[in-house]
PDB file of N, CA and C in Angstrom:
ATOM      1  N   MET A   1     -46.319 132.152  70.409  1.00  0.00           N
ATOM      2  CA  MET A   1     -46.632 131.404  71.522  1.00  0.00           C
ATOM      3  C   MET A   1     -45.747 131.897  72.686  1.00  0.00           C
ATOM      4  N   ALA A   2     -44.417 132.143  72.449  1.00  0.00           N
ATOM      5  CA  ALA A   2     -43.560 132.613  73.465  1.00  0.00           C
ATOM      6  C   ALA A   2     -43.974 133.665  74.121  1.00  0.00           C
ATOM      7  N   SER A   3     -44.710 134.652  73.305  1.00  0.00           N
ATOM      8  CA  SER A   3     -45.253 135.939  74.052  1.00  0.00           C
ATOM      9  C   SER A   3     -46.234 135.617  74.880  1.00  0.00           C
ATOM     10  N   ARG A   4     -47.120 134.627  74.502  1.00  0.00           N
ATOM     11  CA  ARG A   4     -48.247 134.214  75.352  1.00  0.00           C
ATOM     12  C   ARG A   4     -47.863 133.496  76.742  1.00  0.00           C
ATOM     13  N   LEU A   5     -46.929 132.602  76.395  1.00  0.00           N
ATOM     14  CA  LEU A   5     -46.583 131.875  77.547  1.00  0.00           C
ATOM     15  C   LEU A   5     -45.449 132.420  78.424  1.00  0.00           C
ATOM     16  N   GLY A   6     -44.622 133.402  77.863  1.00  0.00           N
ATOM     17  CA  GLY A   6     -43.603 133.710  78.497  1.00  0.00           C
ATOM     18  C   GLY A   6     -42.411 132.967  78.666  1.00  0.00           C
ATOM     19  N   VAL A   7     -42.271 131.830  77.910  1.00  0.00           N
ATOM     20  CA  VAL A   7     -41.207 131.013  77.831  1.00  0.00           C
ATOM     21  C   VAL A   7     -41.166 130.406  76.380  1.00  0.00           C
ATOM     22  N   GLY A   8     -40.062 130.251  75.816  1.00  0.00           N
ATOM     23  CA  GLY A   8     -39.713 129.741  74.651  1.00  0.00           C
ATOM     24  C   GLY A   8     -39.744 127.954  74.516  1.00  0.00           C
ATOM     25  N   GLN A   9     -40.267 127.398  73.767  1.00  0.00           N
ATOM     26  CA  GLN A   9     -40.252 125.749  73.582  1.00  0.00           C
ATOM     27  C   GLN A   9     -39.924 125.269  72.170  1.00  0.00           C
ATOM     28  N   ALA A  10     -39.267 124.575  72.286  1.00  0.00           N
ATOM     29  CA  ALA A  10     -38.860 124.024  70.577  1.00  0.00           C
ATOM     30  C   ALA A  10     -40.062 123.423  69.980  1.00  0.00           C
ATOM     31  N   MET A  11     -40.890 122.717  70.756  1.00  0.00           N
ATOM     32  CA  MET A  11     -41.839 121.872  70.180  1.00  0.00           C
ATOM     33  C   MET A  11     -43.111 122.801  70.002  1.00  0.00           C
ATOM     34  N   VAL A  12     -43.134 123.913  70.237  1.00  0.00           N
ATOM     35  CA  VAL A  12     -44.412 124.684  70.318  1.00  0.00           C
ATOM     36  C   VAL A  12     -45.310 124.705  68.863  1.00  0.00           C
ATOM     37  N   GLY A  13     -44.419 124.701  67.906  1.00  0.00           N
ATOM     38  CA  GLY A  13     -45.100 124.972  66.381  1.00  0.00           C
ATOM     39  C   GLY A  13     -45.563 123.477  65.868  1.00  0.00           C
ATOM     40  N   GLN A  14     -45.192 122.630  66.633  1.00  0.00           N
ATOM     41  CA  GLN A  14     -45.581 121.314  65.891  1.00  0.00           C
ATOM     42  C   GLN A  14     -47.009 121.088  65.740  1.00  0.00           C
ATOM     43  N   GLY A  15     -47.448 120.613  64.595  1.00  0.00           N
ATOM     44  CA  GLY A  15     -48.744 120.413  64.148  1.00  0.00           C
ATOM     45  C   GLY A  15     -49.298 121.463  63.445  1.00  0.00           C
ATOM     46  N   PHE A  16     -48.551 122.625  63.079  1.00  0.00           N
ATOM     47  CA  PHE A  16     -49.028 123.746  62.413  1.00  0.00           C
ATOM     48  C   PHE A  16     -48.567 123.708  60.863  1.00  0.00           C
ATOM     49  N   GLU A  17     -48.079 122.604  60.392  1.00  0.00           N
ATOM     50  CA  GLU A  17     -47.563 122.410  59.017  1.00  0.00           C
ATOM     51  C   GLU A  17     -48.691 122.448  58.154  1.00  0.00           C
ATOM     52  N   PHE A  18     -49.747 121.888  58.461  1.00  0.00           N
ATOM     53  CA  PHE A  18     -50.833 121.607  57.555  1.00  0.00           C
ATOM     54  C   PHE A  18     -51.327 123.073  57.321  1.00  0.00           C
ATOM     55  N   ASP A  19     -51.515 123.980  58.261  1.00  0.00           N
ATOM     56  CA  ASP A  19     -52.032 125.296  58.247  1.00  0.00           C
ATOM     57  C   ASP A  19     -51.100 126.084  57.278  1.00  0.00           C
ATOM     58  N   VAL A  20     -49.804 125.824  57.520  1.00  0.00           N
ATOM     59  CA  VAL A  20     -48.877 126.728  56.764  1.00  0.00           C
ATOM     60  C   VAL A  20     -48.876 126.426  55.200  1.00  0.00           C
ATOM     61  N   ILE A  21     -49.230 125.152  54.807  1.00  0.00           N
ATOM     62  CA  ILE A  21     -49.343 124.758  53.596  1.00  0.00           C
ATOM     63  C   ILE A  21     -50.605 125.164  52.910  1.00  0.00           C
ATOM     64  N   VAL A  22     -51.528 125.163  53.587  1.00  0.00           N
ATOM     65  CA  VAL A  22     -52.834 125.683  53.252  1.00  0.00           C
ATOM     66  C   VAL A  22     -52.701 127.294  52.920  1.00  0.00           C
ATOM     67  N   ALA A  23     -52.103 127.863  53.913  1.00  0.00           N
ATOM     68  CA  ALA A  23     -52.110 129.481  53.696  1.00  0.00           C
ATOM     69  C   ALA A  23     -51.256 129.845  52.516  1.00  0.00           C
ATOM     70  N   THR A  24     -50.221 129.027  52.262  1.00  0.00           N
ATOM     71  CA  THR A  24     -49.283 129.242  51.386  1.00  0.00           C
ATOM     72  C   THR A  24     -49.738 129.113  49.945  1.00  0.00           C
ATOM     73  N   ILE A  25     -50.681 127.945  49.606  1.00  0.00           N
ATOM     74  CA  ILE A  25     -51.218 127.638  48.344  1.00  0.00           C
ATOM     75  C   ILE A  25     -52.418 128.758  48.219  1.00  0.00           C
ATOM     76  N   LEU A  26     -53.358 128.999  49.431  1.00  0.00           N
ATOM     77  CA  LEU A  26     -54.398 130.074  49.246  1.00  0.00           C
ATOM     78  C   LEU A  26     -53.804 131.379  48.824  1.00  0.00           C
ATOM     79  N   GLY A  27     -52.607 131.769  49.117  1.00  0.00           N
ATOM     80  CA  GLY A  27     -51.781 132.827  48.804  1.00  0.00           C
ATOM     81  C   GLY A  27     -51.382 133.014  47.438  1.00  0.00           C
ATOM     82  N   GLY A  28     -51.426 132.026  46.708  1.00  0.00           N
ATOM     83  CA  GLY A  28     -51.070 132.148  45.327  1.00  0.00           C
ATOM     84  C   GLY A  28     -49.733 131.534  45.012  1.00  0.00           C
ATOM     85  N   THR A  29     -49.003 130.854  45.888  1.00  0.00           N
ATOM     86  CA  THR A  29     -47.874 130.088  45.615  1.00  0.00           C
ATOM     87  C   THR A  29     -48.064 128.730  44.766  1.00  0.00           C
ATOM     88  N   SER A  30     -47.352 128.693  43.657  1.00  0.00           N
ATOM     89  CA  SER A  30     -47.639 127.441  43.029  1.00  0.00           C
ATOM     90  C   SER A  30     -46.909 126.034  43.668  1.00  0.00           C
ATOM     91  N   ILE A  31     -47.748 125.108  43.631  1.00  0.00           N
ATOM     92  CA  ILE A  31     -47.308 123.922  44.131  1.00  0.00           C
ATOM     93  C   ILE A  31     -46.087 123.441  43.476  1.00  0.00           C
ATOM     94  N   ALA A  32     -46.091 123.489  42.035  1.00  0.00           N
ATOM     95  CA  ALA A  32     -44.932 123.076  41.182  1.00  0.00           C
ATOM     96  C   ALA A  32     -43.557 123.800  41.057  1.00  0.00           C
ATOM     97  N   GLY A  33     -43.566 124.942  42.045  1.00  0.00           N
ATOM     98  CA  GLY A  33     -42.440 125.680  42.115  1.00  0.00           C
ATOM     99  C   GLY A  33     -42.769 126.965  41.450  1.00  0.00           C
ATOM    100  N   GLY A  34     -41.963 127.859  41.489  1.00  0.00           N
ATOM    101  CA  GLY A  34     -42.090 129.142  40.939  1.00  0.00           C
ATOM    102  C   GLY A  34     -42.122 130.380  41.745  1.00  0.00           C
ATOM    103  N   GLU A  35     -43.131 131.219  41.575  1.00  0.00           N
ATOM    104  CA  GLU A  35     -42.995 132.319  42.389  1.00  0.00           C
ATOM    105  C   GLU A  35     -44.217 132.617  43.382  1.00  0.00           C
ATOM    106  N   GLY A  36     -44.137 133.219  44.209  1.00  0.00           N
ATOM    107  CA  GLY A  36     -45.273 133.761  45.215  1.00  0.00           C
ATOM    108  C   GLY A  36     -44.805 134.964  45.854  1.00  0.00           C
ATOM    109  N   SER A  37     -45.818 135.633  46.453  1.00  0.00           N
ATOM    110  CA  SER A  37     -45.621 136.902  47.156  1.00  0.00           C
ATOM    111  C   SER A  37     -45.858 136.863  48.436  1.00  0.00           C
ATOM    112  N   VAL A  38     -45.179 137.576  49.161  1.00  0.00           N
ATOM    113  CA  VAL A  38     -45.481 137.769  50.657  1.00  0.00           C
ATOM    114  C   VAL A  38     -46.820 138.330  51.035  1.00  0.00           C
ATOM    115  N   PHE A  39     -47.312 139.124  50.073  1.00  0.00           N
ATOM    116  CA  PHE A  39     -48.625 139.831  50.408  1.00  0.00           C
ATOM    117  C   PHE A  39     -49.767 138.589  50.341  1.00  0.00           C
ATOM    118  N   GLY A  40     -49.550 137.950  49.096  1.00  0.00           N
ATOM    119  CA  GLY A  40     -50.420 136.732  48.945  1.00  0.00           C
ATOM    120  C   GLY A  40     -50.389 135.978  50.094  1.00  0.00           C
ATOM    121  N   MET A  41     -49.305 135.561  50.567  1.00  0.00           N
ATOM    122  CA  MET A  41     -49.026 134.536  51.650  1.00  0.00           C
ATOM    123  C   MET A  41     -49.781 135.044  52.869  1.00  0.00           C
ATOM    124  N   LEU A  42     -49.518 136.445  53.004  1.00  0.00           N
ATOM    125  CA  LEU A  42     -50.285 137.101  54.279  1.00  0.00           C
ATOM    126  C   LEU A  42     -51.697 136.908  54.201  1.00  0.00           C
ATOM    127  N   ILE A  43     -52.297 137.200  53.081  1.00  0.00           N
ATOM    128  CA  ILE A  43     -53.706 137.041  52.698  1.00  0.00           C
ATOM    129  C   ILE A  43     -54.143 135.604  53.040  1.00  0.00           C
ATOM    130  N   GLY A  44     -53.447 134.626  52.503  1.00  0.00           N
ATOM    131  CA  GLY A  44     -53.759 133.063  52.489  1.00  0.00           C
ATOM    132  C   GLY A  44     -53.738 132.924  54.180  1.00  0.00           C
ATOM    133  N   ALA A  45     -52.618 133.434  55.003  1.00  0.00           N
ATOM    134  CA  ALA A  45     -52.813 133.250  56.306  1.00  0.00           C
ATOM    135  C   ALA A  45     -53.982 133.662  57.065  1.00  0.00           C
ATOM    136  N   PHE A  46     -54.234 135.059  56.672  1.00  0.00           N
ATOM    137  CA  PHE A  46     -55.603 135.618  57.225  1.00  0.00           C
ATOM    138  C   PHE A  46     -56.837 134.596  57.048  1.00  0.00           C
ATOM    139  N   ILE A  47     -56.918 134.149  55.764  1.00  0.00           N
ATOM    140  CA  ILE A  47     -57.929 133.319  55.463  1.00  0.00           C
ATOM    141  C   ILE A  47     -58.009 132.115  56.238  1.00  0.00           C
ATOM    142  N   VAL A  48     -56.864 131.431  56.393  1.00  0.00           N
ATOM    143  CA  VAL A  48     -56.912 130.049  57.490  1.00  0.00           C
ATOM    144  C   VAL A  48     -57.162 130.723  58.898  1.00  0.00           C
ATOM    145  N   GLY A  49     -56.680 131.679  59.321  1.00  0.00           N
ATOM    146  CA  GLY A  49     -57.091 132.167  60.429  1.00  0.00           C
ATOM    147  C   GLY A  49     -58.466 132.528  60.862  1.00  0.00           C
ATOM    148  N   PHE A  50     -59.142 133.176  59.880  1.00  0.00           N
ATOM    149  CA  PHE A  50     -60.623 133.324  60.029  1.00  0.00           C
ATOM    150  C   PHE A  50     -61.358 132.021  60.096  1.00  0.00           C
ATOM    151  N   ILE A  51     -60.978 131.061  59.246  1.00  0.00           N
ATOM    152  CA  ILE A  51     -61.472 129.683  59.091  1.00  0.00           C
ATOM    153  C   ILE A  51     -61.438 129.108  60.501  1.00  0.00           C
ATOM    154  N   ALA A  52     -60.144 129.133  60.906  1.00  0.00           N
ATOM    155  CA  ALA A  52     -60.018 128.388  62.178  1.00  0.00           C
ATOM    156  C   ALA A  52     -60.654 129.066  63.398  1.00  0.00           C
ATOM    157  N   ASN A  53     -60.512 130.390  63.434  1.00  0.00           N
ATOM    158  CA  ASN A  53     -61.465 131.143  64.409  1.00  0.00           C
ATOM    159  C   ASN A  53     -62.799 131.007  64.261  1.00  0.00           C
ATOM    160  N   GLY A  54     -63.343 130.988  63.169  1.00  0.00           N
ATOM    161  CA  GLY A  54     -64.852 130.873  63.002  1.00  0.00           C
ATOM    162  C   GLY A  54     -65.363 129.405  63.456  1.00  0.00           C
ATOM    163  N   LEU A  55     -64.584 128.260  63.102  1.00  0.00           N
ATOM    164  CA  LEU A  55     -64.961 126.940  63.558  1.00  0.00           C
ATOM    165  C   LEU A  55     -64.696 126.678  64.968  1.00  0.00           C
ATOM    166  N   ASN A  56     -63.642 127.437  65.604  1.00  0.00           N
ATOM    167  CA  ASN A  56     -63.659 127.323  67.115  1.00  0.00           C
ATOM    168  C   ASN A  56     -64.865 127.879  67.676  1.00  0.00           C
ATOM    169  N   LEU A  57     -65.223 129.100  67.275  1.00  0.00           N
ATOM    170  CA  LEU A  57     -66.351 129.872  67.807  1.00  0.00           C
ATOM    171  C   LEU A  57     -67.657 129.004  67.680  1.00  0.00           C
ATOM    172  N   LEU A  58     -67.829 128.272  66.573  1.00  0.00           N
ATOM    173  CA  LEU A  58     -68.876 127.600  66.310  1.00  0.00           C
ATOM    174  C   LEU A  58     -68.880 126.111  67.084  1.00  0.00           C
ATOM    175  N   GLY A  59     -67.810 125.809  67.737  1.00  0.00           N
ATOM    176  CA  GLY A  59     -67.693 124.534  68.617  1.00  0.00           C
ATOM    177  C   GLY A  59     -67.363 123.380  67.587  1.00  0.00           C
ATOM    178  N   ILE A  60     -66.786 123.598  66.535  1.00  0.00           N
ATOM    179  CA  ILE A  60     -66.452 122.365  65.691  1.00  0.00           C
ATOM    180  C   ILE A  60     -65.215 121.613  66.190  1.00  0.00           C
ATOM    181  N   HIS A  61     -65.420 120.283  66.140  1.00  0.00           N
ATOM    182  CA  HIS A  61     -64.316 119.435  66.491  1.00  0.00           C
ATOM    183  C   HIS A  61     -63.039 119.676  65.727  1.00  0.00           C
ATOM    184  N   SER A  62     -61.883 119.600  66.066  1.00  0.00           N
ATOM    185  CA  SER A  62     -60.631 119.863  65.544  1.00  0.00           C
ATOM    186  C   SER A  62     -60.419 118.804  64.335  1.00  0.00           C
ATOM    187  N   PHE A  63     -60.977 117.623  64.473  1.00  0.00           N
ATOM    188  CA  PHE A  63     -60.938 116.744  63.300  1.00  0.00           C
ATOM    189  C   PHE A  63     -61.551 117.264  62.085  1.00  0.00           C
ATOM    190  N   TYR A  64     -62.969 117.764  62.446  1.00  0.00           N
ATOM    191  CA  TYR A  64     -63.593 118.233  61.327  1.00  0.00           C
ATOM    192  C   TYR A  64     -63.124 119.629  60.749  1.00  0.00           C
ATOM    193  N   GLN A  65     -62.492 120.236  61.672  1.00  0.00           N
ATOM    194  CA  GLN A  65     -61.789 121.541  61.045  1.00  0.00           C
ATOM    195  C   GLN A  65     -60.683 121.256  59.947  1.00  0.00           C
ATOM    196  N   SER A  66     -59.821 120.106  60.275  1.00  0.00           N
ATOM    197  CA  SER A  66     -58.782 119.723  59.424  1.00  0.00           C
ATOM    198  C   SER A  66     -59.417 119.277  58.057  1.00  0.00           C
ATOM    199  N   ILE A  67     -60.478 118.378  58.134  1.00  0.00           N
ATOM    200  CA  ILE A  67     -61.311 118.141  56.937  1.00  0.00           C
ATOM    201  C   ILE A  67     -61.816 119.295  56.101  1.00  0.00           C
ATOM    202  N   LEU A  68     -62.199 120.384  56.782  1.00  0.00           N
ATOM    203  CA  LEU A  68     -62.667 121.533  56.036  1.00  0.00           C
ATOM    204  C   LEU A  68     -61.543 122.381  55.465  1.00  0.00           C
ATOM    205  N   LYS A  69     -60.290 122.480  56.136  1.00  0.00           N
ATOM    206  CA  LYS A  69     -59.362 123.039  55.708  1.00  0.00           C
ATOM    207  C   LYS A  69     -58.593 122.332  54.618  1.00  0.00           C
ATOM    208  N   GLY A  70     -58.693 120.986  54.616  1.00  0.00           N
ATOM    209  CA  GLY A  70     -58.487 120.187  53.330  1.00  0.00           C
ATOM    210  C   GLY A  70     -59.196 120.351  52.084  1.00  0.00           C
ATOM    211  N   ALA A  71     -60.504 120.561  52.380  1.00  0.00           N
ATOM    212  CA  ALA A  71     -61.564 120.823  51.549  1.00  0.00           C
ATOM    213  C   ALA A  71     -61.280 122.234  50.701  1.00  0.00           C
ATOM    214  N   VAL A  72     -60.923 123.123  51.522  1.00  0.00           N
ATOM    215  CA  VAL A  72     -60.507 124.410  50.892  1.00  0.00           C
ATOM    216  C   VAL A  72     -59.153 124.308  50.175  1.00  0.00           C
ATOM    217  N   LEU A  73     -58.244 123.647  50.535  1.00  0.00           N
ATOM    218  CA  LEU A  73     -56.903 123.425  50.064  1.00  0.00           C
ATOM    219  C   LEU A  73     -57.373 122.704  48.603  1.00  0.00           C
ATOM    220  N   VAL A  74     -58.154 121.730  48.647  1.00  0.00           N
ATOM    221  CA  VAL A  74     -58.400 121.126  47.489  1.00  0.00           C
ATOM    222  C   VAL A  74     -58.972 122.107  46.296  1.00  0.00           C
ATOM    223  N   GLY A  75     -60.041 122.850  47.026  1.00  0.00           N
ATOM    224  CA  GLY A  75     -60.834 123.792  46.036  1.00  0.00           C
ATOM    225  C   GLY A  75     -59.888 124.791  45.516  1.00  0.00           C
ATOM    226  N   ALA A  76     -58.678 125.396  46.246  1.00  0.00           N
ATOM    227  CA  ALA A  76     -57.992 126.261  45.801  1.00  0.00           C
ATOM    228  C   ALA A  76     -56.897 125.596  44.621  1.00  0.00           C
ATOM    229  N   VAL A  77     -56.464 124.416  44.825  1.00  0.00           N
ATOM    230  CA  VAL A  77     -55.774 123.732  44.017  1.00  0.00           C
ATOM    231  C   VAL A  77     -56.525 123.604  42.603  1.00  0.00           C
ATOM    232  N   LEU A  78     -57.715 123.181  42.627  1.00  0.00           N
ATOM    233  CA  LEU A  78     -58.573 123.027  41.397  1.00  0.00           C
ATOM    234  C   LEU A  78     -58.694 124.252  40.614  1.00  0.00           C
TER     235      LEU A  78
END
Protein backbone atom coordinates (compact mmCIF):
# COMPACT_ATOMS: atom_id res chain seq x y z
CA MET A 1 0.00 0.00 0.00
CA ALA A 2 2.88 2.35 0.69
CA SER A 3 4.06 2.00 -2.90
CA ARG A 4 0.59 2.78 -4.21
CA LEU A 5 -0.08 5.75 -1.96
CA GLY A 6 3.46 7.07 -1.70
CA VAL A 7 3.17 7.32 2.07
CA GLY A 8 3.29 4.81 4.94
CA GLN A 9 0.50 4.53 7.48
CA ALA A 10 0.35 2.29 10.54
CA MET A 11 -3.29 1.26 10.07
CA VAL A 12 -3.12 0.37 6.36
CA GLY A 13 -3.17 -3.43 6.90
CA GLN A 14 -6.11 -3.39 9.28
CA GLY A 15 -8.83 -5.78 8.15
CA PHE A 16 -6.58 -8.20 6.24
CA GLU A 17 -6.23 -10.63 9.14
CA PHE A 18 -8.95 -12.99 7.88
CA ASP A 19 -7.43 -13.10 4.39
CA VAL A 20 -4.05 -13.98 5.87
CA ILE A 21 -5.53 -16.80 7.96
CA VAL A 22 -7.42 -18.20 4.95
CA ALA A 23 -4.29 -18.03 2.76
CA THR A 24 -2.19 -19.75 5.41
CA ILE A 25 -4.68 -22.59 5.89
CA LEU A 26 -5.13 -23.03 2.12
CA GLY A 27 -1.35 -23.18 1.81
CA GLY A 28 -1.24 -26.29 3.96
CA THR A 29 -0.18 -24.96 7.35
CA SER A 30 -1.75 -26.96 10.18
CA ILE A 31 -4.13 -25.18 12.53
CA ALA A 32 -2.96 -27.34 15.44
CA GLY A 33 0.63 -26.25 14.97
CA GLY A 34 3.39 -27.91 13.11
CA GLU A 35 4.90 -27.25 9.76
CA GLY A 36 4.05 -25.25 6.73
CA SER A 37 5.98 -24.10 3.72
CA VAL A 38 6.55 -20.69 2.23
CA PHE A 39 5.68 -22.03 -1.22
CA GLY A 40 2.37 -23.43 0.06
CA MET A 41 1.50 -20.15 1.75
CA LEU A 42 2.31 -18.30 -1.48
CA ILE A 43 -0.07 -20.59 -3.39
CA GLY A 44 -2.73 -19.96 -0.73
CA ALA A 45 -2.23 -16.20 -1.08
CA PHE A 46 -2.65 -16.48 -4.86
CA ILE A 47 -5.88 -18.44 -4.41
CA VAL A 48 -7.29 -15.86 -1.99
CA GLY A 49 -6.21 -13.07 -4.35
CA PHE A 50 -7.89 -14.72 -7.33
CA ILE A 51 -11.09 -15.23 -5.34
CA ALA A 52 -11.12 -11.62 -4.14
CA ASN A 53 -10.34 -10.23 -7.59
CA GLY A 54 -12.97 -12.37 -9.29
CA LEU A 55 -15.65 -11.40 -6.80
CA ASN A 56 -14.75 -7.73 -7.17
CA LEU A 57 -15.01 -8.00 -10.96
CA LEU A 58 -18.43 -9.63 -10.57
CA GLY A 59 -19.56 -6.74 -8.35
CA ILE A 60 -20.24 -8.92 -5.29
CA HIS A 61 -20.67 -6.95 -2.04
CA SER A 62 -17.77 -7.27 0.44
CA PHE A 63 -20.03 -8.88 3.05
CA TYR A 64 -20.76 -11.80 0.71
CA GLN A 65 -17.09 -11.98 -0.24
CA SER A 66 -16.24 -12.64 3.40
CA ILE A 67 -18.90 -15.34 3.57
CA LEU A 68 -17.47 -17.07 0.50
CA LYS A 69 -13.92 -16.86 1.87
CA GLY A 70 -15.18 -18.38 5.13
CA ALA A 71 -16.81 -21.21 3.18
CA VAL A 72 -13.53 -21.82 1.36
CA LEU A 73 -11.76 -21.88 4.74
CA VAL A 74 -14.23 -24.39 6.19
CA GLY A 75 -13.89 -26.53 3.07
CA ALA A 76 -10.09 -26.50 3.35
CA VAL A 77 -10.18 -27.46 7.03
CA LEU A 78 -12.59 -30.31 6.39
